[in-house]
Amino acid sequence: MTTIIRHGFGVPATAARATPDRRLSELIKRIPERVAVWQARARTRSQLQALLAHSGDHLLKDIGVSRAAALYELNKPFWKP
């Protein structure tokens, strides 16, 4: 199935050609999934922040991430991948 990305939500192509009410319905159905993704990103970034605060750079080196890359990731808002 083809997926069209609109307003940050993946909508099946058939829904994209549907009436505005149908499109809204499809978007509403995907809200819980999107919120779960945002929560996972926020949780991961929080864990990364704790790792940076309480550990040395050796743990970052173990997972192959530079301090600069970790700080870049921390500064991104939760809705950005």
N, C-alpha and C. Protein backbone atom coordinates (compact mmCIF):
# COMPACT_ATOMS: atom_id res chain seq x y z
N MET A 1 0.83 -1.17 0.00
CA MET A 1 0.00 0.00 0.00
C MET A 1 0.88 1.24 0.00
N THR A 2 0.53 2.20 -0.78
CA THR A 2 1.26 3.46 -0.85
C THR A 2 0.85 4.34 0.32
N THR A 3 1.83 5.02 0.90
CA THR A 3 1.55 5.93 2.00
C THR A 3 1.98 7.33 1.61
N ILE A 4 1.13 8.28 1.88
CA ILE A 4 1.42 9.68 1.61
C ILE A 4 1.61 10.36 2.96
N ILE A 5 2.67 11.15 3.08
CA ILE A 5 2.94 11.85 4.33
C ILE A 5 2.33 13.26 4.23
N ARG A 6 1.42 13.54 5.15
CA ARG A 6 0.80 14.86 5.22
C ARG A 6 0.77 15.29 6.68
N HIS A 7 1.24 16.48 6.93
CA HIS A 7 1.22 17.05 8.27
C HIS A 7 1.90 16.14 9.29
N GLY A 8 2.93 15.41 8.87
CA GLY A 8 3.67 14.58 9.80
C GLY A 8 3.05 13.23 10.11
N PHE A 9 1.91 12.92 9.49
CA PHE A 9 1.25 11.65 9.71
C PHE A 9 1.24 10.86 8.42
N GLY A 10 1.53 9.57 8.49
CA GLY A 10 1.43 8.72 7.32
C GLY A 10 -0.02 8.36 7.07
N VAL A 11 -0.53 8.70 5.91
CA VAL A 11 -1.93 8.43 5.57
C VAL A 11 -1.93 7.53 4.34
N PRO A 12 -2.65 6.40 4.37
CA PRO A 12 -2.72 5.56 3.18
C PRO A 12 -3.22 6.38 1.99
N ALA A 13 -2.70 6.07 0.79
CA ALA A 13 -3.05 6.83 -0.41
C ALA A 13 -4.55 6.86 -0.63
N THR A 14 -5.25 5.78 -0.32
CA THR A 14 -6.70 5.77 -0.50
C THR A 14 -7.36 6.79 0.40
N ALA A 15 -6.84 6.98 1.61
CA ALA A 15 -7.41 7.96 2.52
C ALA A 15 -7.10 9.38 2.05
N ALA A 16 -5.94 9.56 1.40
CA ALA A 16 -5.56 10.88 0.93
C ALA A 16 -6.50 11.36 -0.17
N ARG A 17 -7.10 10.43 -0.90
CA ARG A 17 -8.04 10.80 -1.96
C ARG A 17 -9.47 10.83 -1.47
N ALA A 18 -9.68 10.51 -0.22
CA ALA A 18 -11.02 10.44 0.34
C ALA A 18 -11.52 11.85 0.69
N THR A 19 -12.73 11.87 1.18
CA THR A 19 -13.34 13.13 1.58
C THR A 19 -12.59 13.72 2.77
N PRO A 20 -12.75 15.02 3.02
CA PRO A 20 -12.07 15.62 4.17
C PRO A 20 -12.44 14.95 5.49
N ASP A 21 -13.69 14.52 5.65
CA ASP A 21 -14.09 13.83 6.90
C ASP A 21 -13.34 12.52 7.06
N ARG A 22 -13.18 11.82 5.97
CA ARG A 22 -12.46 10.53 6.03
C ARG A 22 -10.99 10.75 6.34
N ARG A 23 -10.41 11.78 5.73
CA ARG A 23 -9.01 12.07 6.01
C ARG A 23 -8.82 12.44 7.48
N LEU A 24 -9.72 13.25 8.00
CA LEU A 24 -9.64 13.62 9.41
C LEU A 24 -9.75 12.39 10.30
N SER A 25 -10.64 11.51 9.95
CA SER A 25 -10.82 10.28 10.70
C SER A 25 -9.53 9.45 10.71
N GLU A 26 -8.88 9.35 9.56
CA GLU A 26 -7.62 8.59 9.47
C GLU A 26 -6.53 9.25 10.31
N LEU A 27 -6.47 10.57 10.31
CA LEU A 27 -5.48 11.27 11.13
C LEU A 27 -5.73 11.04 12.61
N ILE A 28 -6.98 11.12 13.00
CA ILE A 28 -7.33 10.93 14.41
C ILE A 28 -6.97 9.52 14.88
N LYS A 29 -7.15 8.54 14.02
CA LYS A 29 -6.81 7.16 14.38
C LYS A 29 -5.32 7.01 14.65
N ARG A 30 -4.50 7.83 14.01
CA ARG A 30 -3.05 7.70 14.15
C ARG A 30 -2.47 8.53 15.30
N ILE A 31 -3.27 9.33 15.95
CA ILE A 31 -2.76 10.17 17.04
C ILE A 31 -2.12 9.35 18.16
N PRO A 32 -2.75 8.29 18.66
CA PRO A 32 -2.09 7.52 19.74
C PRO A 32 -0.73 6.96 19.33
N GLU A 33 -0.61 6.52 18.09
CA GLU A 33 0.67 6.00 17.60
C GLU A 33 1.72 7.10 17.59
N ARG A 34 1.35 8.27 17.12
CA ARG A 34 2.29 9.40 17.05
C ARG A 34 2.72 9.82 18.45
N VAL A 35 1.77 9.88 19.38
CA VAL A 35 2.10 10.26 20.76
C VAL A 35 3.06 9.24 21.38
N ALA A 36 2.85 7.97 21.10
CA ALA A 36 3.76 6.93 21.62
C ALA A 36 5.17 7.11 21.08
N VAL A 37 5.29 7.47 19.81
CA VAL A 37 6.61 7.72 19.22
C VAL A 37 7.27 8.91 19.91
N TRP A 38 6.50 9.98 20.11
CA TRP A 38 7.04 11.16 20.78
C TRP A 38 7.48 10.84 22.20
N GLN A 39 6.69 10.04 22.92
CA GLN A 39 7.07 9.65 24.29
C GLN A 39 8.35 8.83 24.30
N ALA A 40 8.49 7.94 23.34
CA ALA A 40 9.70 7.12 23.25
C ALA A 40 10.93 7.99 22.99
N ARG A 41 10.79 8.97 22.09
CA ARG A 41 11.91 9.87 21.82
C ARG A 41 12.28 10.67 23.07
N ALA A 42 11.28 11.20 23.74
CA ALA A 42 11.54 11.99 24.95
C ALA A 42 12.22 11.13 26.02
N ARG A 43 11.77 9.90 26.19
CA ARG A 43 12.34 8.99 27.18
C ARG A 43 13.80 8.67 26.82
N THR A 44 14.06 8.40 25.56
CA THR A 44 15.41 8.07 25.11
C THR A 44 16.35 9.25 25.33
N ARG A 45 15.87 10.44 25.00
CA ARG A 45 16.71 11.63 25.17
C ARG A 45 16.94 11.93 26.65
N SER A 46 15.97 11.64 27.48
CA SER A 46 16.14 11.82 28.92
C SER A 46 17.19 10.85 29.46
N GLN A 47 17.16 9.62 28.99
CA GLN A 47 18.15 8.63 29.40
C GLN A 47 19.54 9.03 28.93
N LEU A 48 19.63 9.59 27.74
CA LEU A 48 20.91 10.04 27.22
C LEU A 48 21.44 11.20 28.06
N GLN A 49 20.55 12.09 28.46
CA GLN A 49 20.94 13.21 29.30
C GLN A 49 21.48 12.72 30.65
N ALA A 50 20.83 11.73 31.22
CA ALA A 50 21.30 11.15 32.49
C ALA A 50 22.66 10.50 32.30
N LEU A 51 22.85 9.82 31.19
CA LEU A 51 24.13 9.17 30.90
C LEU A 51 25.24 10.22 30.81
N LEU A 52 24.96 11.33 30.15
CA LEU A 52 25.97 12.38 30.04
C LEU A 52 26.27 13.03 31.38
N ALA A 53 25.25 13.18 32.21
CA ALA A 53 25.43 13.86 33.50
C ALA A 53 26.19 13.02 34.51
N HIS A 54 25.99 11.71 34.48
CA HIS A 54 26.53 10.86 35.54
C HIS A 54 27.66 9.95 35.12
N SER A 55 28.04 9.99 33.87
CA SER A 55 29.08 9.08 33.39
C SER A 55 30.09 9.86 32.56
N GLY A 56 31.20 9.25 32.36
CA GLY A 56 32.22 9.86 31.53
C GLY A 56 31.96 9.56 30.05
N ASP A 57 32.81 10.10 29.23
CA ASP A 57 32.67 9.90 27.79
C ASP A 57 32.98 8.47 27.36
N HIS A 58 33.54 7.67 28.26
CA HIS A 58 33.88 6.29 27.88
C HIS A 58 32.63 5.47 27.51
N LEU A 59 31.49 5.75 28.17
CA LEU A 59 30.27 5.02 27.82
C LEU A 59 29.75 5.43 26.44
N LEU A 60 29.88 6.71 26.12
CA LEU A 60 29.50 7.15 24.78
C LEU A 60 30.38 6.49 23.74
N LYS A 61 31.68 6.40 24.05
CA LYS A 61 32.61 5.76 23.13
C LYS A 61 32.23 4.30 22.93
N ASP A 62 31.78 3.63 24.00
CA ASP A 62 31.38 2.23 23.91
C ASP A 62 30.23 2.02 22.93
N ILE A 63 29.31 2.99 22.88
CA ILE A 63 28.17 2.84 21.96
C ILE A 63 28.40 3.54 20.62
N GLY A 64 29.60 4.12 20.46
CA GLY A 64 29.96 4.70 19.18
C GLY A 64 29.34 6.06 18.91
N VAL A 65 29.14 6.84 19.96
CA VAL A 65 28.53 8.17 19.81
C VAL A 65 29.48 9.20 20.39
N SER A 66 29.73 10.25 19.63
CA SER A 66 30.58 11.33 20.14
C SER A 66 29.77 12.21 21.09
N ARG A 67 30.47 12.95 21.93
CA ARG A 67 29.78 13.86 22.85
C ARG A 67 29.00 14.92 22.07
N ALA A 68 29.58 15.41 20.98
CA ALA A 68 28.90 16.41 20.16
C ALA A 68 27.61 15.86 19.56
N ALA A 69 27.64 14.61 19.09
CA ALA A 69 26.44 13.99 18.52
C ALA A 69 25.37 13.80 19.60
N ALA A 70 25.81 13.43 20.80
CA ALA A 70 24.86 13.24 21.91
C ALA A 70 24.21 14.57 22.29
N LEU A 71 24.99 15.63 22.36
CA LEU A 71 24.45 16.94 22.70
C LEU A 71 23.50 17.44 21.60
N TYR A 72 23.84 17.17 20.36
CA TYR A 72 22.96 17.54 19.24
C TYR A 72 21.61 16.84 19.39
N GLU A 73 21.64 15.56 19.69
CA GLU A 73 20.41 14.78 19.86
C GLU A 73 19.59 15.30 21.05
N LEU A 74 20.25 15.67 22.12
CA LEU A 74 19.55 16.17 23.30
C LEU A 74 18.83 17.49 23.04
N ASN A 75 19.38 18.29 22.16
CA ASN A 75 18.79 19.61 21.90
C ASN A 75 17.65 19.59 20.90
N LYS A 76 17.36 18.43 20.32
CA LYS A 76 16.25 18.34 19.38
C LYS A 76 14.93 18.21 20.14
N PRO A 77 13.86 18.85 19.66
CA PRO A 77 12.55 18.68 20.30
C PRO A 77 12.03 17.25 20.09
N PHE A 78 11.14 16.81 20.96
CA PHE A 78 10.67 15.42 20.92
C PHE A 78 9.97 15.06 19.61
N TRP A 79 9.44 16.02 18.90
CA TRP A 79 8.70 15.70 17.68
C TRP A 79 9.62 15.55 16.46
N LYS A 80 10.90 15.86 16.62
CA LYS A 80 11.85 15.70 15.52
C LYS A 80 12.57 14.36 15.64
N PRO A 81 12.63 13.61 14.55
CA PRO A 81 13.34 12.32 14.59
C PRO A 81 14.84 12.49 14.69
